[in-house]
Amino acid sequence: MKNTHTVPSTRPAEKISTEVAAPRLAVKPQTMRAGFCRHGHYMNMVPVKLPNGRLLWDAAAVDRLTSGEVA
C-alpha cells in the first residue's frame, strides 16, 4: 500500500462574517443565522462556528450563489 501525505494549504479559504455575507445575498444577517440554526445550513452552505459563537461563511460559496451557480 502506498502512503501519500497531503500537505494542508498554508492559505485557508477566505471566510467572511454573516454581516458581510448577508448583503451580498440580499438577505438580513438573521435570516442566515436562522437558516443555519433550523436546518444546519443556509442554502447548502455550512459555516465555521467560532468559539465565541460567530459564524464564518466561505466567500467562494457566497460568490457562486450570487452568480447563479449551486453552492
N, C-alpha and C. Protein backbone atom coordinates (compact mmCIF):
# COMPACT_ATOMS: atom_id res chain seq x y z
N MET A 1 0.84 -1.17 0.00
CA MET A 1 0.00 0.00 0.00
C MET A 1 0.89 1.24 0.00
N LYS A 2 0.56 2.19 -0.82
CA LYS A 2 1.35 3.40 -0.94
C LYS A 2 0.84 4.46 0.04
N ASN A 3 1.74 5.02 0.80
CA ASN A 3 1.37 6.09 1.72
C ASN A 3 1.51 7.42 1.00
N THR A 4 0.46 8.16 0.99
CA THR A 4 0.52 9.50 0.41
C THR A 4 0.23 10.51 1.51
N HIS A 5 1.03 11.51 1.56
CA HIS A 5 0.86 12.54 2.57
C HIS A 5 0.41 13.81 1.86
N THR A 6 -0.65 14.37 2.36
CA THR A 6 -1.11 15.63 1.81
C THR A 6 -0.69 16.75 2.75
N VAL A 7 -0.24 17.80 2.19
CA VAL A 7 0.18 18.95 2.97
C VAL A 7 -0.99 19.93 3.00
N PRO A 8 -1.43 20.32 4.21
CA PRO A 8 -2.53 21.27 4.27
C PRO A 8 -2.13 22.60 3.65
N SER A 9 -3.09 23.26 3.11
CA SER A 9 -2.85 24.55 2.48
C SER A 9 -2.32 25.54 3.51
N THR A 10 -1.35 26.32 3.11
CA THR A 10 -0.83 27.34 4.01
C THR A 10 -1.75 28.55 4.05
N ARG A 11 -2.62 28.65 3.04
CA ARG A 11 -3.55 29.76 2.99
C ARG A 11 -4.98 29.20 2.98
N PRO A 12 -5.68 29.33 4.10
CA PRO A 12 -7.04 28.78 4.14
C PRO A 12 -7.98 29.55 3.22
N ALA A 13 -9.10 28.92 2.90
CA ALA A 13 -10.09 29.57 2.05
C ALA A 13 -10.59 30.84 2.75
N GLU A 14 -10.88 31.84 1.97
CA GLU A 14 -11.34 33.10 2.54
C GLU A 14 -12.71 32.91 3.18
N LYS A 15 -12.85 33.39 4.38
CA LYS A 15 -14.10 33.32 5.12
C LYS A 15 -14.58 34.73 5.39
N ILE A 16 -15.90 34.91 5.38
CA ILE A 16 -16.47 36.21 5.66
C ILE A 16 -17.54 36.06 6.74
N SER A 17 -17.77 37.14 7.46
CA SER A 17 -18.75 37.11 8.54
C SER A 17 -20.17 37.13 7.98
N THR A 18 -21.11 36.84 8.84
CA THR A 18 -22.52 36.86 8.46
C THR A 18 -22.93 38.27 8.03
N GLU A 19 -22.40 39.27 8.71
CA GLU A 19 -22.75 40.66 8.39
C GLU A 19 -22.25 41.08 7.01
N VAL A 20 -21.20 40.46 6.52
CA VAL A 20 -20.68 40.75 5.18
C VAL A 20 -21.38 39.90 4.13
N ALA A 21 -21.65 38.64 4.47
CA ALA A 21 -22.27 37.72 3.51
C ALA A 21 -23.73 38.06 3.22
N ALA A 22 -24.47 38.46 4.23
CA ALA A 22 -25.91 38.71 4.07
C ALA A 22 -26.23 39.77 3.00
N PRO A 23 -25.59 40.94 3.02
CA PRO A 23 -25.90 41.92 1.97
C PRO A 23 -25.56 41.43 0.56
N ARG A 24 -24.54 40.59 0.44
CA ARG A 24 -24.19 40.04 -0.88
C ARG A 24 -25.30 39.15 -1.40
N LEU A 25 -26.02 38.49 -0.47
CA LEU A 25 -27.11 37.59 -0.85
C LEU A 25 -28.47 38.28 -0.78
N ALA A 26 -28.47 39.56 -0.44
CA ALA A 26 -29.69 40.38 -0.36
C ALA A 26 -30.67 39.83 0.68
N VAL A 27 -30.13 39.43 1.83
CA VAL A 27 -30.95 39.00 2.97
C VAL A 27 -30.42 39.66 4.23
N LYS A 28 -31.21 39.58 5.30
CA LYS A 28 -30.75 40.08 6.59
C LYS A 28 -29.84 39.05 7.24
N PRO A 29 -28.88 39.49 8.05
CA PRO A 29 -28.00 38.54 8.72
C PRO A 29 -28.77 37.50 9.54
N GLN A 30 -29.86 37.92 10.16
CA GLN A 30 -30.62 36.99 10.99
C GLN A 30 -31.25 35.88 10.15
N THR A 31 -31.54 36.13 8.89
CA THR A 31 -32.08 35.10 8.00
C THR A 31 -31.08 33.96 7.84
N MET A 32 -29.82 34.32 7.66
CA MET A 32 -28.78 33.30 7.51
C MET A 32 -28.57 32.54 8.81
N ARG A 33 -28.56 33.26 9.94
CA ARG A 33 -28.39 32.61 11.23
C ARG A 33 -29.55 31.66 11.53
N ALA A 34 -30.76 32.09 11.23
CA ALA A 34 -31.95 31.27 11.49
C ALA A 34 -31.94 30.01 10.61
N GLY A 35 -31.57 30.16 9.35
CA GLY A 35 -31.49 29.01 8.46
C GLY A 35 -30.48 27.99 8.94
N PHE A 36 -29.33 28.49 9.41
CA PHE A 36 -28.31 27.58 9.93
C PHE A 36 -28.80 26.90 11.21
N CYS A 37 -29.45 27.64 12.07
CA CYS A 37 -29.94 27.10 13.34
C CYS A 37 -31.01 26.03 13.09
N ARG A 38 -31.93 26.30 12.16
CA ARG A 38 -33.04 25.37 11.91
C ARG A 38 -32.65 24.15 11.11
N HIS A 39 -31.78 24.33 10.11
CA HIS A 39 -31.51 23.26 9.15
C HIS A 39 -30.06 22.77 9.14
N GLY A 40 -29.17 23.48 9.84
CA GLY A 40 -27.77 23.09 9.84
C GLY A 40 -27.00 23.63 8.65
N HIS A 41 -27.66 24.45 7.83
CA HIS A 41 -27.03 25.09 6.67
C HIS A 41 -27.92 26.24 6.23
N TYR A 42 -27.38 27.10 5.39
CA TYR A 42 -28.18 28.13 4.73
C TYR A 42 -27.88 28.02 3.25
N MET A 43 -28.87 27.62 2.49
CA MET A 43 -28.73 27.42 1.04
C MET A 43 -27.55 26.50 0.73
N ASN A 44 -27.46 25.41 1.47
CA ASN A 44 -26.41 24.39 1.34
C ASN A 44 -25.02 24.89 1.70
N MET A 45 -24.91 26.01 2.36
CA MET A 45 -23.62 26.50 2.85
C MET A 45 -23.56 26.25 4.35
N VAL A 46 -22.51 25.60 4.78
CA VAL A 46 -22.31 25.33 6.21
C VAL A 46 -21.16 26.21 6.69
N PRO A 47 -21.43 27.09 7.65
CA PRO A 47 -20.37 27.98 8.12
C PRO A 47 -19.48 27.31 9.15
N VAL A 48 -18.36 27.97 9.42
CA VAL A 48 -17.48 27.57 10.51
C VAL A 48 -17.96 28.36 11.72
N LYS A 49 -18.19 27.65 12.82
CA LYS A 49 -18.64 28.32 14.03
C LYS A 49 -17.45 28.55 14.94
N LEU A 50 -17.20 29.79 15.26
CA LEU A 50 -16.08 30.16 16.12
C LEU A 50 -16.44 29.90 17.58
N PRO A 51 -15.46 29.78 18.46
CA PRO A 51 -15.73 29.55 19.88
C PRO A 51 -16.61 30.63 20.52
N ASN A 52 -16.55 31.85 19.98
CA ASN A 52 -17.37 32.92 20.54
C ASN A 52 -18.79 32.94 19.97
N GLY A 53 -19.12 31.95 19.11
CA GLY A 53 -20.48 31.83 18.58
C GLY A 53 -20.69 32.47 17.21
N ARG A 54 -19.74 33.25 16.75
CA ARG A 54 -19.89 33.89 15.43
C ARG A 54 -19.72 32.86 14.33
N LEU A 55 -20.33 33.16 13.19
CA LEU A 55 -20.28 32.26 12.04
C LEU A 55 -19.44 32.88 10.94
N LEU A 56 -18.59 32.06 10.30
CA LEU A 56 -17.81 32.49 9.15
C LEU A 56 -18.22 31.64 7.96
N TRP A 57 -18.55 32.31 6.86
CA TRP A 57 -19.04 31.66 5.66
C TRP A 57 -17.96 31.67 4.60
N ASP A 58 -17.94 30.66 3.76
CA ASP A 58 -16.98 30.56 2.67
C ASP A 58 -17.29 31.62 1.61
N ALA A 59 -16.36 32.52 1.38
CA ALA A 59 -16.59 33.62 0.44
C ALA A 59 -16.83 33.10 -0.97
N ALA A 60 -16.13 32.04 -1.37
CA ALA A 60 -16.31 31.50 -2.71
C ALA A 60 -17.71 30.94 -2.90
N ALA A 61 -18.26 30.30 -1.87
CA ALA A 61 -19.62 29.75 -1.96
C ALA A 61 -20.65 30.87 -2.08
N VAL A 62 -20.43 31.95 -1.34
CA VAL A 62 -21.34 33.10 -1.43
C VAL A 62 -21.27 33.69 -2.84
N ASP A 63 -20.08 33.82 -3.38
CA ASP A 63 -19.92 34.36 -4.74
C ASP A 63 -20.57 33.46 -5.78
N ARG A 64 -20.46 32.13 -5.60
CA ARG A 64 -21.12 31.21 -6.53
C ARG A 64 -22.64 31.38 -6.49
N LEU A 65 -23.19 31.58 -5.30
CA LEU A 65 -24.63 31.77 -5.20
C LEU A 65 -25.08 33.07 -5.87
N THR A 66 -24.30 34.12 -5.69
CA THR A 66 -24.69 35.40 -6.28
C THR A 66 -24.55 35.38 -7.81
N SER A 67 -23.70 34.48 -8.32
CA SER A 67 -23.55 34.39 -9.78
C SER A 67 -24.52 33.39 -10.40
N GLY A 68 -25.33 32.73 -9.54
CA GLY A 68 -26.34 31.81 -10.06
C GLY A 68 -25.93 30.35 -10.06
N GLU A 69 -24.74 30.04 -9.58
CA GLU A 69 -24.30 28.65 -9.51
C GLU A 69 -24.82 28.01 -8.23
N VAL A 70 -24.67 26.71 -8.14
CA VAL A 70 -25.07 25.98 -6.94
C VAL A 70 -23.93 25.99 -5.96
N ALA A 71 -24.23 26.23 -4.69
CA ALA A 71 -23.19 26.29 -3.65
C ALA A 71 -22.62 24.93 -3.35
